[in-house]
Amino acid sequence: MAKRWTKREEDKYRSELFNLYVKQNKSLREISKVLGISEQTVFKRLGRLGIKTEPNLKKNYLKKRTDIKIPKKYSEDLAEFFGIMLGDGHVSHFQVVVSLGTKEEKYAKYVKLLIQRIFSTNVKISVNKKGHRDVYLGSVDITSWLLKQGLVHNKVKSQVDVPRWIFSKNNFTKRFLRGFFDTDGSVYKLKYGIQISFCNRSFPILKSLQLMLKKLEYSPSSISLYNMYLTKRGDVERFFTEIKPSNFKHVNRYLSFKNNLRRSYSGNYTTL
């Protein structure tokens, strides 16, 4: 939850942003440079202050950027990116944002490089006072294209589903699962093993994840309270060797549990 402003802070931010955004008609990018904060922070402050964002009034509205590339065909990288976006991503009118936690510094850099490869442009990372990271890219061309490809502004309200092209090749499916698990997955230690969970508040996404895993011959659980699980020992081991999650937080957690189980059962869990 965002920190509550004092009356003095709120008055300061309102005066500052009203002058820059409304009176001087500066864009979010221009304001971010003036104030030394990220475009995402500028956007959030405008929303909190009730200042309506009107990109159509800005002088560079719809001006084509020359430093981006819209993909001409589907790829494994794009499949992973869609998994990330349907996990912890957000698409606004002008910006793509992936919001990550305090323990995901390495993964944030990984996501940045992935997006840069796909769209051939610079991607930024901002860190708030609590250490949470936003990987973001501003481009109306990109957000418009992503919305046409099936992403939405509000995943839960729209009950969005996974784009059908993800199912067309097993490599697309595996990379999508990697991106989704890296952002909306977890690893747990059970009494006699390890469990993988997938969590999302869009039921169609969970249903598609279940179908993907079955297609790849895993044995996912039924869907319960926005969650689905892989619990069989062979499934968990295979998931980490075949899907190859890239979020070091999950990988390190899995390896720690695996080693603890080996020690606890004196070699009886050596197949993990």
C-alpha atoms as a PDB file:
ATOM      1  CA  MET A   1       0.000   0.000   0.000  1.00  0.00           C
ATOM      2  CA  ALA A   2       1.255   3.464  -0.899  1.00  0.00           C
ATOM      3  CA  LYS A   3       2.466   5.686   1.947  1.00  0.00           C
ATOM      4  CA  ARG A   4      -0.123   8.184   3.153  1.00  0.00           C
ATOM      5  CA  TRP A   5       0.867  11.775   2.339  1.00  0.00           C
ATOM      6  CA  THR A   6       0.737  14.622   4.823  1.00  0.00           C
ATOM      7  CA  LYS A   7      -1.425  17.603   3.854  1.00  0.00           C
ATOM      8  CA  ARG A   8       1.734  19.564   3.050  1.00  0.00           C
ATOM      9  CA  GLU A   9       3.077  16.778   0.798  1.00  0.00           C
ATOM     10  CA  GLU A  10      -0.232  16.425  -1.024  1.00  0.00           C
ATOM     11  CA  ASP A  11      -0.471  20.177  -1.642  1.00  0.00           C
ATOM     12  CA  LYS A  12       3.126  20.231  -2.878  1.00  0.00           C
ATOM     13  CA  TYR A  13       2.649  17.324  -5.307  1.00  0.00           C
ATOM     14  CA  ARG A  14      -0.659  18.708  -6.592  1.00  0.00           C
ATOM     15  CA  SER A  15       0.812  22.162  -7.260  1.00  0.00           C
ATOM     16  CA  GLU A  16       3.946  20.674  -8.802  1.00  0.00           C
ATOM     17  CA  LEU A  17       2.152  18.263 -11.136  1.00  0.00           C
ATOM     18  CA  PHE A  18      -0.687  20.624 -12.052  1.00  0.00           C
ATOM     19  CA  ASN A  19       1.898  23.174 -13.148  1.00  0.00           C
ATOM     20  CA  LEU A  20       4.005  20.706 -15.145  1.00  0.00           C
ATOM     21  CA  TYR A  21       1.307  18.432 -16.570  1.00  0.00           C
ATOM     22  CA  VAL A  22      -1.593  20.834 -17.109  1.00  0.00           C
ATOM     23  CA  LYS A  23      -0.182  24.351 -17.403  1.00  0.00           C
ATOM     24  CA  GLN A  24       3.108  23.522 -19.138  1.00  0.00           C
ATOM     25  CA  ASN A  25       1.553  20.534 -20.946  1.00  0.00           C
ATOM     26  CA  LYS A  26       4.610  18.349 -20.383  1.00  0.00           C
ATOM     27  CA  SER A  27       4.508  14.616 -21.027  1.00  0.00           C
ATOM     28  CA  LEU A  28       5.107  12.014 -18.317  1.00  0.00           C
ATOM     29  CA  ARG A  29       8.566  11.392 -19.713  1.00  0.00           C
ATOM     30  CA  GLU A  30       9.425  15.105 -19.571  1.00  0.00           C
ATOM     31  CA  ILE A  31       8.073  15.414 -16.021  1.00  0.00           C
ATOM     32  CA  SER A  32      10.042  12.372 -14.872  1.00  0.00           C
ATOM     33  CA  LYS A  33      13.245  14.051 -16.065  1.00  0.00           C
ATOM     34  CA  VAL A  34      12.373  17.350 -14.359  1.00  0.00           C
ATOM     35  CA  LEU A  35      11.520  15.722 -11.012  1.00  0.00           C
ATOM     36  CA  GLY A  36      14.085  12.931 -11.132  1.00  0.00           C
ATOM     37  CA  ILE A  37      11.494  10.180 -10.626  1.00  0.00           C
ATOM     38  CA  SER A  38      10.208   7.380 -12.860  1.00  0.00           C
ATOM     39  CA  GLU A  39       7.356   7.823 -15.344  1.00  0.00           C
ATOM     40  CA  GLN A  40       5.472   5.157 -13.391  1.00  0.00           C
ATOM     41  CA  THR A  41       5.733   7.249 -10.203  1.00  0.00           C
ATOM     42  CA  VAL A  42       4.491  10.348 -12.064  1.00  0.00           C
ATOM     43  CA  PHE A  43       1.533   8.363 -13.419  1.00  0.00           C
ATOM     44  CA  LYS A  44       0.651   6.985  -9.958  1.00  0.00           C
ATOM     45  CA  ARG A  45       0.838  10.448  -8.364  1.00  0.00           C
ATOM     46  CA  LEU A  46      -1.470  11.914 -10.993  1.00  0.00           C
ATOM     47  CA  GLY A  47      -3.968   9.167 -10.265  1.00  0.00           C
ATOM     48  CA  ARG A  48      -3.796   9.652  -6.494  1.00  0.00           C
ATOM     49  CA  LEU A  49      -4.292  13.387  -6.924  1.00  0.00           C
ATOM     50  CA  GLY A  50      -7.238  12.971  -9.275  1.00  0.00           C
ATOM     51  CA  ILE A  51      -5.491  14.745 -12.153  1.00  0.00           C
ATOM     52  CA  LYS A  52      -6.837  13.134 -15.320  1.00  0.00           C
ATOM     53  CA  THR A  53      -4.168  11.861 -17.711  1.00  0.00           C
ATOM     54  CA  GLU A  54      -4.770  13.109 -21.236  1.00  0.00           C
ATOM     55  CA  PRO A  55      -1.957  11.884 -23.513  1.00  0.00           C
ATOM     56  CA  ASN A  56      -3.903  13.057 -26.570  1.00  0.00           C
ATOM     57  CA  LEU A  57      -3.233  16.666 -25.534  1.00  0.00           C
ATOM     58  CA  LYS A  58       0.526  16.240 -25.477  1.00  0.00           C
ATOM     59  CA  LYS A  59       2.497  17.538 -28.414  1.00  0.00           C
ATOM     60  CA  ASN A  60       4.169  14.168 -29.114  1.00  0.00           C
ATOM     61  CA  TYR A  61       0.960  12.133 -28.889  1.00  0.00           C
ATOM     62  CA  LEU A  62       0.926   9.345 -31.501  1.00  0.00           C
ATOM     63  CA  LYS A  63       4.321  10.420 -32.781  1.00  0.00           C
ATOM     64  CA  LYS A  64       5.958   7.219 -33.945  1.00  0.00           C
ATOM     65  CA  ARG A  65       9.030   6.170 -31.988  1.00  0.00           C
ATOM     66  CA  THR A  66      11.912   5.038 -34.146  1.00  0.00           C
ATOM     67  CA  ASP A  67      13.676   3.073 -31.401  1.00  0.00           C
ATOM     68  CA  ILE A  68      11.194   0.197 -31.078  1.00  0.00           C
ATOM     69  CA  LYS A  69      10.427  -2.914 -33.058  1.00  0.00           C
ATOM     70  CA  ILE A  70       7.005  -4.570 -33.058  1.00  0.00           C
ATOM     71  CA  PRO A  71       7.438  -8.359 -33.452  1.00  0.00           C
ATOM     72  CA  LYS A  72       6.392  -9.669 -36.857  1.00  0.00           C
ATOM     73  CA  LYS A  73       6.044 -13.270 -35.714  1.00  0.00           C
ATOM     74  CA  TYR A  74       5.512 -15.225 -32.543  1.00  0.00           C
ATOM     75  CA  SER A  75       8.616 -16.444 -30.725  1.00  0.00           C
ATOM     76  CA  GLU A  76       9.694 -18.297 -27.588  1.00  0.00           C
ATOM     77  CA  ASP A  77      10.847 -15.020 -26.010  1.00  0.00           C
ATOM     78  CA  LEU A  78       7.443 -13.472 -26.709  1.00  0.00           C
ATOM     79  CA  ALA A  79       5.685 -16.497 -25.192  1.00  0.00           C
ATOM     80  CA  GLU A  80       7.701 -16.088 -21.992  1.00  0.00           C
ATOM     81  CA  PHE A  81       6.952 -12.366 -21.943  1.00  0.00           C
ATOM     82  CA  PHE A  82       3.207 -13.067 -22.194  1.00  0.00           C
ATOM     83  CA  GLY A  83       3.529 -15.467 -19.265  1.00  0.00           C
ATOM     84  CA  ILE A  84       5.227 -12.726 -17.258  1.00  0.00           C
ATOM     85  CA  MET A  85       2.583 -10.163 -18.232  1.00  0.00           C
ATOM     86  CA  LEU A  86      -0.316 -12.453 -17.283  1.00  0.00           C
ATOM     87  CA  GLY A  87       1.458 -13.062 -13.987  1.00  0.00           C
ATOM     88  CA  ASP A  88       2.758  -9.766 -12.592  1.00  0.00           C
ATOM     89  CA  GLY A  89       2.454  -7.458 -15.597  1.00  0.00           C
ATOM     90  CA  HIS A  90       0.233  -4.482 -16.326  1.00  0.00           C
ATOM     91  CA  VAL A  91      -0.616  -2.633 -19.525  1.00  0.00           C
ATOM     92  CA  SER A  92      -1.792   0.987 -19.268  1.00  0.00           C
ATOM     93  CA  HIS A  93      -2.581   3.266 -22.188  1.00  0.00           C
ATOM     94  CA  PHE A  94       1.066   4.199 -22.674  1.00  0.00           C
ATOM     95  CA  GLN A  95       3.190   1.874 -20.555  1.00  0.00           C
ATOM     96  CA  VAL A  96       4.111  -1.766 -19.956  1.00  0.00           C
ATOM     97  CA  VAL A  97       5.044  -2.546 -16.343  1.00  0.00           C
ATOM     98  CA  VAL A  98       6.187  -5.730 -14.583  1.00  0.00           C
ATOM     99  CA  SER A  99       6.016  -5.331 -10.796  1.00  0.00           C
ATOM    100  CA  LEU A 100       8.417  -7.464  -8.756  1.00  0.00           C
ATOM    101  CA  GLY A 101       9.343  -7.923  -5.112  1.00  0.00           C
ATOM    102  CA  THR A 102      12.268  -6.984  -2.925  1.00  0.00           C
ATOM    103  CA  LYS A 103      14.117 -10.297  -3.453  1.00  0.00           C
ATOM    104  CA  GLU A 104      14.004 -10.214  -7.235  1.00  0.00           C
ATOM    105  CA  GLU A 105      16.839  -7.889  -8.236  1.00  0.00           C
ATOM    106  CA  LYS A 106      18.468 -10.478 -10.528  1.00  0.00           C
ATOM    107  CA  TYR A 107      15.155 -11.471 -12.033  1.00  0.00           C
ATOM    108  CA  ALA A 108      14.275  -7.823 -12.734  1.00  0.00           C
ATOM    109  CA  LYS A 109      17.463  -7.548 -14.798  1.00  0.00           C
ATOM    110  CA  TYR A 110      16.539 -10.778 -16.595  1.00  0.00           C
ATOM    111  CA  VAL A 111      13.080  -9.400 -17.478  1.00  0.00           C
ATOM    112  CA  LYS A 112      14.619  -6.132 -18.648  1.00  0.00           C
ATOM    113  CA  LEU A 113      16.927  -7.939 -21.075  1.00  0.00           C
ATOM    114  CA  LEU A 114      14.077 -10.159 -22.307  1.00  0.00           C
ATOM    115  CA  ILE A 115      11.863  -7.161 -23.140  1.00  0.00           C
ATOM    116  CA  GLN A 116      14.772  -5.368 -24.793  1.00  0.00           C
ATOM    117  CA  ARG A 117      15.382  -8.380 -27.049  1.00  0.00           C
ATOM    118  CA  ILE A 118      11.728  -8.503 -28.092  1.00  0.00           C
ATOM    119  CA  PHE A 119      11.144  -4.802 -28.770  1.00  0.00           C
ATOM    120  CA  SER A 120      14.713  -3.639 -29.524  1.00  0.00           C
ATOM    121  CA  THR A 121      14.510  -0.625 -27.218  1.00  0.00           C
ATOM    122  CA  ASN A 122      15.730   0.531 -23.834  1.00  0.00           C
ATOM    123  CA  VAL A 123      13.844  -0.713 -20.780  1.00  0.00           C
ATOM    124  CA  LYS A 124      14.103   0.803 -17.292  1.00  0.00           C
ATOM    125  CA  ILE A 125      13.932  -0.479 -13.719  1.00  0.00           C
ATOM    126  CA  SER A 126      12.691   1.683 -10.849  1.00  0.00           C
ATOM    127  CA  VAL A 127      13.015   0.799  -7.154  1.00  0.00           C
ATOM    128  CA  ASN A 128      10.725   2.260  -4.499  1.00  0.00           C
ATOM    129  CA  LYS A 129      11.652   2.990  -0.892  1.00  0.00           C
ATOM    130  CA  LYS A 130      10.659  -0.521   0.227  1.00  0.00           C
ATOM    131  CA  GLY A 131      12.830  -2.157  -2.427  1.00  0.00           C
ATOM    132  CA  HIS A 132      10.044  -3.295  -4.771  1.00  0.00           C
ATOM    133  CA  ARG A 133      11.014  -3.122  -8.445  1.00  0.00           C
ATOM    134  CA  ASP A 134       9.104  -2.064 -11.549  1.00  0.00           C
ATOM    135  CA  VAL A 135      10.495  -3.048 -14.952  1.00  0.00           C
ATOM    136  CA  TYR A 136       8.843  -0.678 -17.405  1.00  0.00           C
ATOM    137  CA  LEU A 137       8.711   0.534 -20.972  1.00  0.00           C
ATOM    138  CA  GLY A 138       6.698   3.484 -22.312  1.00  0.00           C
ATOM    139  CA  SER A 139       5.277   3.250 -25.832  1.00  0.00           C
ATOM    140  CA  VAL A 140       1.734   3.709 -27.131  1.00  0.00           C
ATOM    141  CA  ASP A 141       2.661   1.609 -30.184  1.00  0.00           C
ATOM    142  CA  ILE A 142       3.683  -1.330 -28.009  1.00  0.00           C
ATOM    143  CA  THR A 143       0.733  -1.128 -25.608  1.00  0.00           C
ATOM    144  CA  SER A 144      -1.727  -0.885 -28.511  1.00  0.00           C
ATOM    145  CA  TRP A 145      -0.163  -3.939 -30.154  1.00  0.00           C
ATOM    146  CA  LEU A 146      -0.225  -5.939 -26.905  1.00  0.00           C
ATOM    147  CA  LEU A 147      -3.903  -5.137 -26.359  1.00  0.00           C
ATOM    148  CA  LYS A 148      -4.658  -6.389 -29.880  1.00  0.00           C
ATOM    149  CA  GLN A 149      -2.757  -9.594 -29.039  1.00  0.00           C
ATOM    150  CA  GLY A 150      -5.049 -10.368 -26.110  1.00  0.00           C
ATOM    151  CA  LEU A 151      -3.629  -8.554 -23.089  1.00  0.00           C
ATOM    152  CA  VAL A 152      -5.996  -6.292 -21.135  1.00  0.00           C
ATOM    153  CA  HIS A 153      -5.855  -3.374 -18.708  1.00  0.00           C
ATOM    154  CA  ASN A 154      -7.450  -5.333 -15.830  1.00  0.00           C
ATOM    155  CA  LYS A 155      -6.802  -9.083 -15.871  1.00  0.00           C
ATOM    156  CA  VAL A 156      -9.143  -9.985 -13.015  1.00  0.00           C
ATOM    157  CA  LYS A 157     -12.084  -7.835 -14.081  1.00  0.00           C
ATOM    158  CA  SER A 158     -11.794  -9.015 -17.694  1.00  0.00           C
ATOM    159  CA  GLN A 159     -11.104 -12.654 -16.684  1.00  0.00           C
ATOM    160  CA  VAL A 160      -8.489 -12.735 -19.439  1.00  0.00           C
ATOM    161  CA  ASP A 161      -7.302 -15.999 -20.980  1.00  0.00           C
ATOM    162  CA  VAL A 162      -4.027 -17.180 -22.505  1.00  0.00           C
ATOM    163  CA  PRO A 163      -3.696 -16.348 -26.240  1.00  0.00           C
ATOM    164  CA  ARG A 164      -4.350 -19.420 -28.413  1.00  0.00           C
ATOM    165  CA  TRP A 165      -1.020 -19.170 -30.241  1.00  0.00           C
ATOM    166  CA  ILE A 166       0.760 -20.157 -27.036  1.00  0.00           C
ATOM    167  CA  PHE A 167      -0.680 -23.676 -27.515  1.00  0.00           C
ATOM    168  CA  SER A 168       0.564 -24.003 -31.111  1.00  0.00           C
ATOM    169  CA  LYS A 169       4.072 -25.232 -30.196  1.00  0.00           C
ATOM    170  CA  ASN A 170       5.362 -27.049 -27.136  1.00  0.00           C
ATOM    171  CA  ASN A 171       8.310 -24.652 -26.910  1.00  0.00           C
ATOM    172  CA  PHE A 172       5.896 -21.695 -26.750  1.00  0.00           C
ATOM    173  CA  THR A 173       3.925 -23.488 -24.022  1.00  0.00           C
ATOM    174  CA  LYS A 174       7.046 -24.250 -21.974  1.00  0.00           C
ATOM    175  CA  ARG A 175       8.350 -20.695 -22.179  1.00  0.00           C
ATOM    176  CA  PHE A 176       4.934 -19.291 -21.252  1.00  0.00           C
ATOM    177  CA  LEU A 177       4.862 -21.588 -18.207  1.00  0.00           C
ATOM    178  CA  ARG A 178       8.329 -20.367 -17.255  1.00  0.00           C
ATOM    179  CA  GLY A 179       7.309 -16.704 -17.404  1.00  0.00           C
ATOM    180  CA  PHE A 180       4.076 -17.271 -15.536  1.00  0.00           C
ATOM    181  CA  PHE A 181       5.640 -19.422 -12.819  1.00  0.00           C
ATOM    182  CA  ASP A 182       8.504 -16.962 -12.343  1.00  0.00           C
ATOM    183  CA  THR A 183       5.993 -14.213 -11.521  1.00  0.00           C
ATOM    184  CA  ASP A 184       2.858 -15.897 -10.123  1.00  0.00           C
ATOM    185  CA  GLY A 185       4.246 -19.204  -8.879  1.00  0.00           C
ATOM    186  CA  SER A 186       5.590 -20.457  -5.554  1.00  0.00           C
ATOM    187  CA  VAL A 187       7.552 -23.384  -4.135  1.00  0.00           C
ATOM    188  CA  TYR A 188       6.607 -25.016  -0.828  1.00  0.00           C
ATOM    189  CA  LYS A 189       8.134 -27.699   1.354  1.00  0.00           C
ATOM    190  CA  LEU A 190       5.740 -30.455   2.359  1.00  0.00           C
ATOM    191  CA  LYS A 191       6.334 -33.057   5.051  1.00  0.00           C
ATOM    192  CA  TYR A 192       7.496 -35.628   2.523  1.00  0.00           C
ATOM    193  CA  GLY A 193       8.272 -33.591  -0.559  1.00  0.00           C
ATOM    194  CA  ILE A 194       8.068 -30.321  -2.475  1.00  0.00           C
ATOM    195  CA  GLN A 195       5.064 -28.636  -4.063  1.00  0.00           C
ATOM    196  CA  ILE A 196       4.752 -26.085  -6.858  1.00  0.00           C
ATOM    197  CA  SER A 197       1.775 -23.721  -6.880  1.00  0.00           C
ATOM    198  CA  PHE A 198       0.312 -21.429  -9.537  1.00  0.00           C
ATOM    199  CA  CYS A 199      -1.880 -18.582  -8.315  1.00  0.00           C
ATOM    200  CA  ASN A 200      -4.055 -16.205 -10.334  1.00  0.00           C
ATOM    201  CA  ARG A 201      -7.465 -14.599  -9.901  1.00  0.00           C
ATOM    202  CA  SER A 202      -8.443 -15.145 -13.530  1.00  0.00           C
ATOM    203  CA  PHE A 203     -10.072 -18.576 -13.762  1.00  0.00           C
ATOM    204  CA  PRO A 204      -9.576 -18.874 -17.567  1.00  0.00           C
ATOM    205  CA  ILE A 205      -5.812 -18.446 -17.077  1.00  0.00           C
ATOM    206  CA  LEU A 206      -5.692 -21.216 -14.460  1.00  0.00           C
ATOM    207  CA  LYS A 207      -7.789 -23.478 -16.676  1.00  0.00           C
ATOM    208  CA  SER A 208      -5.412 -22.892 -19.596  1.00  0.00           C
ATOM    209  CA  LEU A 209      -2.397 -23.557 -17.356  1.00  0.00           C
ATOM    210  CA  GLN A 210      -3.991 -26.830 -16.328  1.00  0.00           C
ATOM    211  CA  LEU A 211      -4.500 -27.782 -19.996  1.00  0.00           C
ATOM    212  CA  MET A 212      -0.895 -26.837 -20.844  1.00  0.00           C
ATOM    213  CA  LEU A 213       0.518 -28.984 -18.059  1.00  0.00           C
ATOM    214  CA  LYS A 214      -1.633 -31.956 -19.062  1.00  0.00           C
ATOM    215  CA  LYS A 215      -0.575 -31.493 -22.685  1.00  0.00           C
ATOM    216  CA  LEU A 216       3.051 -31.751 -21.518  1.00  0.00           C
ATOM    217  CA  GLU A 217       2.120 -34.891 -19.517  1.00  0.00           C
ATOM    218  CA  TYR A 218       2.247 -33.402 -16.038  1.00  0.00           C
ATOM    219  CA  SER A 219      -0.423 -34.177 -13.424  1.00  0.00           C
ATOM    220  CA  PRO A 220      -1.767 -30.827 -12.150  1.00  0.00           C
ATOM    221  CA  SER A 221      -4.297 -30.681  -9.334  1.00  0.00           C
ATOM    222  CA  SER A 222      -7.818 -29.376  -9.711  1.00  0.00           C
ATOM    223  CA  ILE A 223      -8.269 -25.602  -9.356  1.00  0.00           C
ATOM    224  CA  SER A 224      -9.107 -24.444  -5.837  1.00  0.00           C
ATOM    225  CA  LEU A 225      -9.366 -20.885  -4.489  1.00  0.00           C
ATOM    226  CA  TYR A 226      -7.357 -19.321  -7.345  1.00  0.00           C
ATOM    227  CA  ASN A 227      -4.632 -21.959  -6.985  1.00  0.00           C
ATOM    228  CA  MET A 228      -3.400 -25.056  -8.783  1.00  0.00           C
ATOM    229  CA  TYR A 229      -0.564 -27.373  -7.782  1.00  0.00           C
ATOM    230  CA  LEU A 230       2.051 -29.848  -8.946  1.00  0.00           C
ATOM    231  CA  THR A 231       2.827 -32.239  -6.099  1.00  0.00           C
ATOM    232  CA  LYS A 232       4.135 -35.474  -7.590  1.00  0.00           C
ATOM    233  CA  ARG A 233       7.850 -35.801  -6.988  1.00  0.00           C
ATOM    234  CA  GLY A 234       8.598 -36.593 -10.625  1.00  0.00           C
ATOM    235  CA  ASP A 235       6.544 -33.627 -11.840  1.00  0.00           C
ATOM    236  CA  VAL A 236       8.354 -31.183  -9.565  1.00  0.00           C
ATOM    237  CA  GLU A 237      11.791 -32.452 -10.557  1.00  0.00           C
ATOM    238  CA  ARG A 238      10.888 -32.461 -14.253  1.00  0.00           C
ATOM    239  CA  PHE A 239       9.401 -28.962 -14.079  1.00  0.00           C
ATOM    240  CA  PHE A 240      12.664 -27.478 -12.822  1.00  0.00           C
ATOM    241  CA  THR A 241      14.778 -29.376 -15.362  1.00  0.00           C
ATOM    242  CA  GLU A 242      12.449 -28.976 -18.379  1.00  0.00           C
ATOM    243  CA  ILE A 243      10.777 -25.584 -17.859  1.00  0.00           C
ATOM    244  CA  LYS A 244      13.928 -24.115 -16.268  1.00  0.00           C
ATOM    245  CA  PRO A 245      12.493 -21.228 -14.180  1.00  0.00           C
ATOM    246  CA  SER A 246      14.593 -18.059 -14.412  1.00  0.00           C
ATOM    247  CA  ASN A 247      13.549 -16.423 -11.144  1.00  0.00           C
ATOM    248  CA  PHE A 248      16.461 -17.124  -8.815  1.00  0.00           C
ATOM    249  CA  LYS A 249      14.165 -16.716  -5.797  1.00  0.00           C
ATOM    250  CA  HIS A 250      12.218 -19.838  -6.806  1.00  0.00           C
ATOM    251  CA  VAL A 251      15.253 -21.812  -7.961  1.00  0.00           C
ATOM    252  CA  ASN A 252      17.197 -21.203  -4.752  1.00  0.00           C
ATOM    253  CA  ARG A 253      14.160 -22.075  -2.644  1.00  0.00           C
ATOM    254  CA  TYR A 254      13.672 -25.334  -4.555  1.00  0.00           C
ATOM    255  CA  LEU A 255      17.337 -26.317  -4.236  1.00  0.00           C
ATOM    256  CA  SER A 256      17.295 -25.548  -0.508  1.00  0.00           C
ATOM    257  CA  PHE A 257      14.232 -27.743   0.059  1.00  0.00           C
ATOM    258  CA  LYS A 258      15.713 -30.491  -2.104  1.00  0.00           C
ATOM    259  CA  ASN A 259      18.965 -30.553  -0.138  1.00  0.00           C
ATOM    260  CA  ASN A 260      17.141 -30.502   3.213  1.00  0.00           C
ATOM    261  CA  LEU A 261      15.006 -33.458   2.180  1.00  0.00           C
ATOM    262  CA  ARG A 262      18.071 -35.404   1.123  1.00  0.00           C
ATOM    263  CA  ARG A 263      19.671 -34.830   4.516  1.00  0.00           C
ATOM    264  CA  SER A 264      16.454 -35.595   6.415  1.00  0.00           C
ATOM    265  CA  TYR A 265      15.808 -38.921   4.758  1.00  0.00           C
ATOM    266  CA  SER A 266      19.426 -40.101   4.426  1.00  0.00           C
ATOM    267  CA  GLY A 267      19.359 -40.739   0.718  1.00  0.00           C
ATOM    268  CA  ASN A 268      15.745 -41.954   0.416  1.00  0.00           C
ATOM    269  CA  TYR A 269      14.882 -38.867  -1.680  1.00  0.00           C
ATOM    270  CA  THR A 270      17.768 -39.110  -4.075  1.00  0.00           C
ATOM    271  CA  THR A 271      15.583 -38.978  -7.197  1.00  0.00           C
ATOM    272  CA  LEU A 272      14.850 -35.294  -6.608  1.00  0.00           C
END
